[in-house]
Amino acid sequence: MAEIAFEDLPAGTVVDLGTTVVDGDEMVAFARRFDPQPFHVDPAAGKASVFGDLAASGWFTAGLWMRAYVDGLLCRSTALGSPGGDEIAWPAPVLAGDELRATMRVLDARVSRSRPEMGLITLRGEMTRERDDAVVYRSRFTGMFGLRTPAP
């Protein structure tokens, strides 16, 4: 039985999803496969770029946040997936060795009108760099969660 259900995620809830340290080899391997822009895969190009060093793909950073969300919340919950979102941003670069803290904040929560056994939460996903508290990832999307006690 899941320990976290829709009822446990009212608006205003903030969940600390922990930290992760960016592995440079993993970061470059991801970029080589999915986002091979020079500043993601070539150290010289990274140094010459606006980032001043080899920078992670934003999609890699999103994947790091998603892993923290799964490990820190979803795998213990009544999660039913997501129909999508309306915001994703990478306001600051991520470099190899950076320690990133992931959080999830519930912005809004309501029971679905068409499926009363399911709740919809609008959430903000965020990652910050520990050394300077810079936001490196931000997203806003809807999560679907089963209710512990379905609405009448």
N, C-alpha and C. Protein backbone atom coordinates (compact mmCIF):
# COMPACT_ATOMS: atom_id res chain seq x y z
N MET A 1 0.85 -1.20 0.00
CA MET A 1 0.00 0.00 0.00
C MET A 1 0.89 1.25 0.00
N ALA A 2 0.55 2.19 -0.84
CA ALA A 2 1.30 3.44 -0.95
C ALA A 2 1.14 4.25 0.32
N GLU A 3 2.21 4.88 0.75
CA GLU A 3 2.15 5.68 1.96
C GLU A 3 1.75 7.13 1.71
N ILE A 4 1.86 7.59 0.44
CA ILE A 4 1.51 8.97 0.10
C ILE A 4 0.41 8.94 -0.96
N ALA A 5 -0.70 9.61 -0.64
CA ALA A 5 -1.83 9.70 -1.57
C ALA A 5 -2.15 11.18 -1.81
N PHE A 6 -3.08 11.43 -2.70
CA PHE A 6 -3.48 12.79 -3.04
C PHE A 6 -3.75 13.62 -1.78
N GLU A 7 -4.43 13.04 -0.81
CA GLU A 7 -4.80 13.78 0.40
C GLU A 7 -3.59 14.30 1.17
N ASP A 8 -2.43 13.70 0.95
CA ASP A 8 -1.21 14.11 1.65
C ASP A 8 -0.47 15.23 0.93
N LEU A 9 -1.02 15.73 -0.16
CA LEU A 9 -0.34 16.72 -1.00
C LEU A 9 -1.18 17.98 -1.22
N PRO A 10 -1.61 18.65 -0.14
CA PRO A 10 -2.38 19.88 -0.33
C PRO A 10 -1.50 21.02 -0.83
N ALA A 11 -2.15 22.03 -1.37
CA ALA A 11 -1.42 23.21 -1.84
C ALA A 11 -0.54 23.73 -0.72
N GLY A 12 0.68 24.11 -1.08
CA GLY A 12 1.63 24.62 -0.10
C GLY A 12 2.63 23.58 0.37
N THR A 13 2.35 22.31 0.13
CA THR A 13 3.27 21.25 0.53
C THR A 13 4.58 21.38 -0.23
N VAL A 14 5.69 21.28 0.49
CA VAL A 14 7.01 21.29 -0.14
C VAL A 14 7.71 20.00 0.26
N VAL A 15 8.23 19.29 -0.71
CA VAL A 15 8.93 18.04 -0.46
C VAL A 15 10.39 18.21 -0.88
N ASP A 16 11.29 17.99 0.08
CA ASP A 16 12.73 18.00 -0.21
C ASP A 16 13.05 16.63 -0.81
N LEU A 17 13.53 16.61 -2.03
CA LEU A 17 13.82 15.36 -2.73
C LEU A 17 15.29 14.97 -2.65
N GLY A 18 16.05 15.70 -1.85
CA GLY A 18 17.44 15.35 -1.63
C GLY A 18 18.39 15.97 -2.62
N THR A 19 19.65 15.52 -2.55
CA THR A 19 20.69 16.07 -3.40
C THR A 19 21.32 14.98 -4.27
N THR A 20 21.93 15.44 -5.33
CA THR A 20 22.71 14.56 -6.20
C THR A 20 23.93 15.34 -6.68
N VAL A 21 25.01 14.63 -6.88
CA VAL A 21 26.23 15.24 -7.43
C VAL A 21 26.32 14.83 -8.89
N VAL A 22 26.54 15.81 -9.76
CA VAL A 22 26.57 15.58 -11.19
C VAL A 22 27.85 14.83 -11.57
N ASP A 23 27.67 13.66 -12.16
CA ASP A 23 28.78 12.83 -12.63
C ASP A 23 29.14 13.29 -14.05
N GLY A 24 30.36 13.76 -14.23
CA GLY A 24 30.78 14.30 -15.52
C GLY A 24 30.72 13.30 -16.65
N ASP A 25 31.13 12.06 -16.40
CA ASP A 25 31.09 11.04 -17.47
C ASP A 25 29.66 10.76 -17.90
N GLU A 26 28.76 10.66 -16.92
CA GLU A 26 27.34 10.41 -17.21
C GLU A 26 26.74 11.60 -17.98
N MET A 27 27.11 12.80 -17.57
CA MET A 27 26.62 14.03 -18.20
C MET A 27 27.02 14.06 -19.69
N VAL A 28 28.28 13.75 -19.97
CA VAL A 28 28.77 13.78 -21.35
C VAL A 28 28.18 12.62 -22.17
N ALA A 29 28.06 11.44 -21.56
CA ALA A 29 27.47 10.31 -22.28
C ALA A 29 26.04 10.61 -22.70
N PHE A 30 25.27 11.23 -21.81
CA PHE A 30 23.91 11.62 -22.15
C PHE A 30 23.93 12.60 -23.32
N ALA A 31 24.78 13.62 -23.23
CA ALA A 31 24.84 14.64 -24.29
C ALA A 31 25.26 14.03 -25.62
N ARG A 32 26.22 13.12 -25.59
CA ARG A 32 26.65 12.49 -26.85
C ARG A 32 25.49 11.77 -27.53
N ARG A 33 24.64 11.17 -26.73
CA ARG A 33 23.53 10.42 -27.31
C ARG A 33 22.34 11.30 -27.68
N PHE A 34 22.00 12.26 -26.83
CA PHE A 34 20.73 12.97 -27.01
C PHE A 34 20.83 14.46 -27.33
N ASP A 35 21.94 15.11 -27.01
CA ASP A 35 22.04 16.56 -27.19
C ASP A 35 23.50 16.94 -27.47
N PRO A 36 24.05 16.48 -28.61
CA PRO A 36 25.49 16.63 -28.86
C PRO A 36 25.93 18.02 -29.32
N GLN A 37 25.45 19.04 -28.67
CA GLN A 37 25.96 20.37 -28.97
C GLN A 37 27.39 20.46 -28.44
N PRO A 38 28.27 21.19 -29.14
CA PRO A 38 29.68 21.20 -28.76
C PRO A 38 29.96 21.53 -27.30
N PHE A 39 29.25 22.50 -26.73
CA PHE A 39 29.52 22.89 -25.33
C PHE A 39 29.07 21.85 -24.31
N HIS A 40 28.36 20.79 -24.78
CA HIS A 40 27.98 19.67 -23.91
C HIS A 40 28.95 18.49 -24.02
N VAL A 41 29.68 18.39 -25.13
CA VAL A 41 30.49 17.18 -25.37
C VAL A 41 31.99 17.44 -25.57
N ASP A 42 32.37 18.67 -25.89
CA ASP A 42 33.77 18.98 -26.18
C ASP A 42 34.31 19.96 -25.14
N PRO A 43 35.26 19.52 -24.30
CA PRO A 43 35.78 20.41 -23.24
C PRO A 43 36.29 21.75 -23.76
N ALA A 44 36.98 21.77 -24.90
CA ALA A 44 37.47 23.04 -25.44
C ALA A 44 36.31 23.96 -25.84
N ALA A 45 35.30 23.39 -26.47
CA ALA A 45 34.12 24.18 -26.86
C ALA A 45 33.38 24.67 -25.61
N GLY A 46 33.32 23.84 -24.59
CA GLY A 46 32.69 24.25 -23.34
C GLY A 46 33.41 25.43 -22.70
N LYS A 47 34.75 25.36 -22.67
CA LYS A 47 35.55 26.46 -22.08
C LYS A 47 35.36 27.75 -22.87
N ALA A 48 35.22 27.64 -24.18
CA ALA A 48 35.06 28.82 -25.04
C ALA A 48 33.62 29.34 -25.07
N SER A 49 32.70 28.61 -24.49
CA SER A 49 31.27 28.98 -24.54
C SER A 49 30.92 29.99 -23.46
N VAL A 50 29.70 30.47 -23.50
CA VAL A 50 29.19 31.38 -22.47
C VAL A 50 29.19 30.73 -21.09
N PHE A 51 29.26 29.40 -21.03
CA PHE A 51 29.25 28.68 -19.75
C PHE A 51 30.63 28.63 -19.11
N GLY A 52 31.68 28.79 -19.90
CA GLY A 52 33.04 28.77 -19.38
C GLY A 52 33.56 27.39 -19.03
N ASP A 53 32.79 26.38 -19.29
CA ASP A 53 33.17 24.99 -19.00
C ASP A 53 32.17 24.08 -19.70
N LEU A 54 32.48 22.80 -19.72
CA LEU A 54 31.55 21.82 -20.27
C LEU A 54 30.26 21.87 -19.44
N ALA A 55 29.13 22.10 -20.07
CA ALA A 55 27.85 22.26 -19.36
C ALA A 55 26.92 21.10 -19.69
N ALA A 56 26.13 20.73 -18.70
CA ALA A 56 25.15 19.66 -18.88
C ALA A 56 24.03 20.11 -19.81
N SER A 57 23.50 19.18 -20.56
CA SER A 57 22.28 19.43 -21.32
C SER A 57 21.15 19.71 -20.33
N GLY A 58 20.28 20.63 -20.68
CA GLY A 58 19.12 20.88 -19.83
C GLY A 58 18.26 19.64 -19.66
N TRP A 59 18.22 18.82 -20.70
CA TRP A 59 17.42 17.59 -20.63
C TRP A 59 18.04 16.60 -19.65
N PHE A 60 19.35 16.60 -19.53
CA PHE A 60 20.03 15.78 -18.53
C PHE A 60 19.64 16.27 -17.13
N THR A 61 19.66 17.59 -16.95
CA THR A 61 19.28 18.18 -15.67
C THR A 61 17.83 17.83 -15.33
N ALA A 62 16.94 17.89 -16.32
CA ALA A 62 15.54 17.51 -16.09
C ALA A 62 15.47 16.04 -15.66
N GLY A 63 16.29 15.20 -16.27
CA GLY A 63 16.32 13.79 -15.89
C GLY A 63 16.79 13.59 -14.46
N LEU A 64 17.77 14.39 -14.02
CA LEU A 64 18.23 14.30 -12.63
C LEU A 64 17.10 14.66 -11.67
N TRP A 65 16.34 15.72 -12.02
CA TRP A 65 15.22 16.10 -11.16
C TRP A 65 14.17 14.98 -11.14
N MET A 66 13.87 14.42 -12.31
CA MET A 66 12.86 13.36 -12.38
C MET A 66 13.27 12.17 -11.53
N ARG A 67 14.54 11.79 -11.57
CA ARG A 67 15.00 10.67 -10.76
C ARG A 67 14.81 10.96 -9.27
N ALA A 68 15.12 12.18 -8.85
CA ALA A 68 14.93 12.56 -7.45
C ALA A 68 13.45 12.52 -7.08
N TYR A 69 12.58 12.95 -8.00
CA TYR A 69 11.12 12.95 -7.77
C TYR A 69 10.60 11.52 -7.63
N VAL A 70 11.06 10.63 -8.49
CA VAL A 70 10.65 9.22 -8.40
C VAL A 70 11.13 8.62 -7.09
N ASP A 71 12.41 8.78 -6.79
CA ASP A 71 12.97 8.17 -5.58
C ASP A 71 12.41 8.79 -4.31
N GLY A 72 12.20 10.11 -4.33
CA GLY A 72 11.78 10.80 -3.12
C GLY A 72 10.30 10.85 -2.86
N LEU A 73 9.48 10.57 -3.87
CA LEU A 73 8.03 10.68 -3.69
C LEU A 73 7.24 9.64 -4.49
N LEU A 74 7.41 9.64 -5.80
CA LEU A 74 6.53 8.84 -6.65
C LEU A 74 6.52 7.35 -6.31
N CYS A 75 7.68 6.78 -6.02
CA CYS A 75 7.73 5.34 -5.78
C CYS A 75 7.01 4.94 -4.49
N ARG A 76 6.68 5.90 -3.64
CA ARG A 76 5.96 5.63 -2.39
C ARG A 76 4.53 6.15 -2.42
N SER A 77 4.05 6.50 -3.60
CA SER A 77 2.77 7.19 -3.70
C SER A 77 1.77 6.48 -4.61
N THR A 78 0.61 7.09 -4.68
CA THR A 78 -0.45 6.61 -5.57
C THR A 78 -0.38 7.30 -6.94
N ALA A 79 0.82 7.69 -7.35
CA ALA A 79 1.01 8.41 -8.61
C ALA A 79 0.41 7.64 -9.78
N LEU A 80 -0.24 8.40 -10.67
CA LEU A 80 -0.91 7.82 -11.84
C LEU A 80 -0.38 8.42 -13.15
N GLY A 81 0.72 9.14 -13.09
CA GLY A 81 1.28 9.74 -14.30
C GLY A 81 1.04 11.23 -14.35
N SER A 82 1.23 11.79 -15.53
CA SER A 82 1.08 13.23 -15.74
C SER A 82 0.61 13.50 -17.15
N PRO A 83 -0.37 14.41 -17.31
CA PRO A 83 -0.79 14.78 -18.65
C PRO A 83 0.09 15.86 -19.28
N GLY A 84 1.06 16.41 -18.52
CA GLY A 84 1.97 17.40 -19.08
C GLY A 84 2.05 18.65 -18.24
N GLY A 85 2.70 19.64 -18.81
CA GLY A 85 2.91 20.88 -18.08
C GLY A 85 2.98 22.06 -19.01
N ASP A 86 3.33 23.22 -18.43
CA ASP A 86 3.37 24.42 -19.24
C ASP A 86 4.63 25.26 -19.02
N GLU A 87 5.62 24.72 -18.29
CA GLU A 87 6.85 25.48 -18.09
C GLU A 87 8.01 24.54 -17.86
N ILE A 88 9.13 24.87 -18.46
CA ILE A 88 10.41 24.23 -18.16
C ILE A 88 11.47 25.28 -18.44
N ALA A 89 12.43 25.40 -17.52
CA ALA A 89 13.47 26.41 -17.67
C ALA A 89 14.77 25.91 -17.04
N TRP A 90 15.88 26.38 -17.61
CA TRP A 90 17.21 26.09 -17.09
C TRP A 90 17.92 27.43 -16.90
N PRO A 91 17.63 28.15 -15.81
CA PRO A 91 18.14 29.51 -15.64
C PRO A 91 19.64 29.65 -15.42
N ALA A 92 20.30 28.57 -14.99
CA ALA A 92 21.76 28.63 -14.77
C ALA A 92 22.36 27.29 -15.20
N PRO A 93 23.61 27.31 -15.65
CA PRO A 93 24.24 26.08 -16.13
C PRO A 93 24.57 25.10 -15.00
N VAL A 94 24.62 23.83 -15.39
CA VAL A 94 25.04 22.75 -14.49
C VAL A 94 26.37 22.22 -15.02
N LEU A 95 27.32 22.08 -14.11
CA LEU A 95 28.66 21.60 -14.47
C LEU A 95 28.96 20.31 -13.73
N ALA A 96 29.88 19.54 -14.26
CA ALA A 96 30.30 18.31 -13.60
C ALA A 96 30.75 18.63 -12.18
N GLY A 97 30.35 17.79 -11.24
CA GLY A 97 30.72 17.98 -9.84
C GLY A 97 29.77 18.83 -9.05
N ASP A 98 28.85 19.55 -9.71
CA ASP A 98 27.87 20.36 -8.98
C ASP A 98 27.00 19.46 -8.10
N GLU A 99 26.73 19.92 -6.89
CA GLU A 99 25.75 19.24 -6.04
C GLU A 99 24.44 20.00 -6.17
N LEU A 100 23.39 19.28 -6.54
CA LEU A 100 22.09 19.89 -6.80
C LEU A 100 21.06 19.39 -5.81
N ARG A 101 20.23 20.29 -5.29
CA ARG A 101 19.13 19.93 -4.39
C ARG A 101 17.83 20.04 -5.15
N ALA A 102 17.03 18.98 -5.10
CA ALA A 102 15.74 18.93 -5.79
C ALA A 102 14.60 19.13 -4.79
N THR A 103 13.59 19.90 -5.21
CA THR A 103 12.39 20.08 -4.41
C THR A 103 11.16 20.00 -5.30
N MET A 104 10.04 19.73 -4.65
CA MET A 104 8.75 19.71 -5.32
C MET A 104 7.78 20.48 -4.45
N ARG A 105 7.09 21.44 -5.03
CA ARG A 105 6.12 22.26 -4.30
C ARG A 105 4.75 22.11 -4.95
N VAL A 106 3.74 21.83 -4.14
CA VAL A 106 2.37 21.74 -4.65
C VAL A 106 1.79 23.15 -4.71
N LEU A 107 1.45 23.58 -5.92
CA LEU A 107 0.88 24.91 -6.14
C LEU A 107 -0.63 24.90 -6.00
N ASP A 108 -1.25 23.80 -6.43
CA ASP A 108 -2.72 23.68 -6.40
C ASP A 108 -3.07 22.20 -6.36
N ALA A 109 -4.16 21.87 -5.70
CA ALA A 109 -4.62 20.48 -5.63
C ALA A 109 -6.14 20.46 -5.68
N ARG A 110 -6.67 19.56 -6.53
CA ARG A 110 -8.13 19.42 -6.62
C ARG A 110 -8.48 18.01 -7.05
N VAL A 111 -9.65 17.57 -6.67
CA VAL A 111 -10.15 16.27 -7.10
C VAL A 111 -10.69 16.43 -8.51
N SER A 112 -10.41 15.48 -9.37
CA SER A 112 -10.89 15.51 -10.75
C SER A 112 -12.42 15.44 -10.77
N ARG A 113 -13.04 16.31 -11.57
CA ARG A 113 -14.50 16.28 -11.71
C ARG A 113 -14.96 15.05 -12.49
N SER A 114 -14.18 14.66 -13.50
CA SER A 114 -14.59 13.53 -14.34
C SER A 114 -14.15 12.17 -13.78
N ARG A 115 -13.14 12.18 -12.93
CA ARG A 115 -12.64 10.93 -12.32
C ARG A 115 -12.43 11.16 -10.83
N PRO A 116 -13.49 11.07 -10.03
CA PRO A 116 -13.40 11.42 -8.61
C PRO A 116 -12.49 10.53 -7.77
N GLU A 117 -11.97 9.47 -8.35
CA GLU A 117 -11.01 8.63 -7.64
C GLU A 117 -9.58 9.16 -7.80
N MET A 118 -9.44 10.27 -8.53
CA MET A 118 -8.13 10.81 -8.84
C MET A 118 -8.06 12.29 -8.48
N GLY A 119 -6.92 12.68 -7.92
CA GLY A 119 -6.66 14.08 -7.65
C GLY A 119 -5.62 14.62 -8.62
N LEU A 120 -5.71 15.89 -8.91
CA LEU A 120 -4.78 16.57 -9.80
C LEU A 120 -4.02 17.61 -9.00
N ILE A 121 -2.70 17.55 -9.05
CA ILE A 121 -1.92 18.58 -8.39
C ILE A 121 -1.10 19.32 -9.44
N THR A 122 -1.07 20.62 -9.31
CA THR A 122 -0.17 21.44 -10.11
C THR A 122 1.06 21.61 -9.25
N LEU A 123 2.21 21.25 -9.81
CA LEU A 123 3.41 21.30 -8.99
C LEU A 123 4.54 22.04 -9.67
N ARG A 124 5.43 22.54 -8.84
CA ARG A 124 6.65 23.19 -9.29
C ARG A 124 7.81 22.29 -8.92
N GLY A 125 8.57 21.87 -9.92
CA GLY A 125 9.80 21.14 -9.68
C GLY A 125 10.95 22.12 -9.77
N GLU A 126 11.93 21.97 -8.88
CA GLU A 126 13.05 22.90 -8.89
C GLU A 126 14.33 22.20 -8.43
N MET A 127 15.44 22.60 -9.04
CA MET A 127 16.76 22.17 -8.58
C MET A 127 17.61 23.41 -8.40
N THR A 128 18.35 23.43 -7.29
CA THR A 128 19.26 24.53 -7.02
C THR A 128 20.66 23.97 -6.80
N ARG A 129 21.64 24.77 -7.15
CA ARG A 129 23.04 24.42 -6.92
C ARG A 129 23.37 24.73 -5.48
N GLU A 130 23.92 23.77 -4.76
CA GLU A 130 24.19 23.94 -3.34
C GLU A 130 25.22 25.04 -3.06
N ARG A 131 26.23 25.20 -3.91
CA ARG A 131 27.32 26.13 -3.60
C ARG A 131 26.89 27.59 -3.64
N ASP A 132 25.87 27.92 -4.42
CA ASP A 132 25.46 29.32 -4.52
C ASP A 132 23.94 29.51 -4.53
N ASP A 133 23.21 28.44 -4.34
CA ASP A 133 21.74 28.47 -4.29
C ASP A 133 21.10 28.95 -5.60
N ALA A 134 21.84 28.88 -6.71
CA ALA A 134 21.29 29.28 -8.01
C ALA A 134 20.29 28.23 -8.48
N VAL A 135 19.16 28.68 -9.01
CA VAL A 135 18.19 27.76 -9.60
C VAL A 135 18.74 27.32 -10.95
N VAL A 136 18.85 25.99 -11.14
CA VAL A 136 19.37 25.45 -12.40
C VAL A 136 18.29 24.73 -13.21
N TYR A 137 17.15 24.47 -12.58
CA TYR A 137 16.04 23.79 -13.26
C TYR A 137 14.75 24.21 -12.60
N ARG A 138 13.73 24.46 -13.43
CA ARG A 138 12.40 24.80 -12.92
C ARG A 138 11.37 24.26 -13.90
N SER A 139 10.34 23.65 -13.37
CA SER A 139 9.25 23.16 -14.23
C SER A 139 7.93 23.32 -13.49
N ARG A 140 6.87 23.32 -14.27
CA ARG A 140 5.52 23.37 -13.71
C ARG A 140 4.69 22.40 -14.53
N PHE A 141 4.05 21.45 -13.84
CA PHE A 141 3.23 20.48 -14.55
C PHE A 141 2.18 19.90 -13.61
N THR A 142 1.34 19.05 -14.16
CA THR A 142 0.26 18.43 -13.39
C THR A 142 0.63 16.99 -13.09
N GLY A 143 0.44 16.61 -11.84
CA GLY A 143 0.61 15.22 -11.44
C GLY A 143 -0.75 14.64 -11.09
N MET A 144 -0.98 13.40 -11.45
CA MET A 144 -2.24 12.71 -11.13
C MET A 144 -1.95 11.69 -10.02
N PHE A 145 -2.75 11.75 -8.96
CA PHE A 145 -2.55 10.86 -7.81
C PHE A 145 -3.88 10.25 -7.40
N GLY A 146 -3.85 8.98 -7.05
CA GLY A 146 -5.04 8.32 -6.55
C GLY A 146 -5.40 8.83 -5.16
N LEU A 147 -6.69 8.87 -4.89
CA LEU A 147 -7.16 9.26 -3.56
C LEU A 147 -7.11 8.04 -2.65
N ARG A 148 -6.78 8.29 -1.40
CA ARG A 148 -6.81 7.22 -0.41
C ARG A 148 -8.27 6.80 -0.18
N THR A 149 -9.12 7.82 -0.10
CA THR A 149 -10.55 7.61 0.07
C THR A 149 -11.25 8.32 -1.07
N PRO A 150 -11.72 7.60 -2.07
CA PRO A 150 -12.39 8.25 -3.21
C PRO A 150 -13.53 9.17 -2.77
N ALA A 151 -13.65 10.29 -3.47
CA ALA A 151 -14.74 11.23 -3.18
C ALA A 151 -16.08 10.57 -3.46
N PRO A 152 -17.11 10.96 -2.69
CA PRO A 152 -18.45 10.38 -2.91
C PRO A 152 -19.06 10.79 -4.24
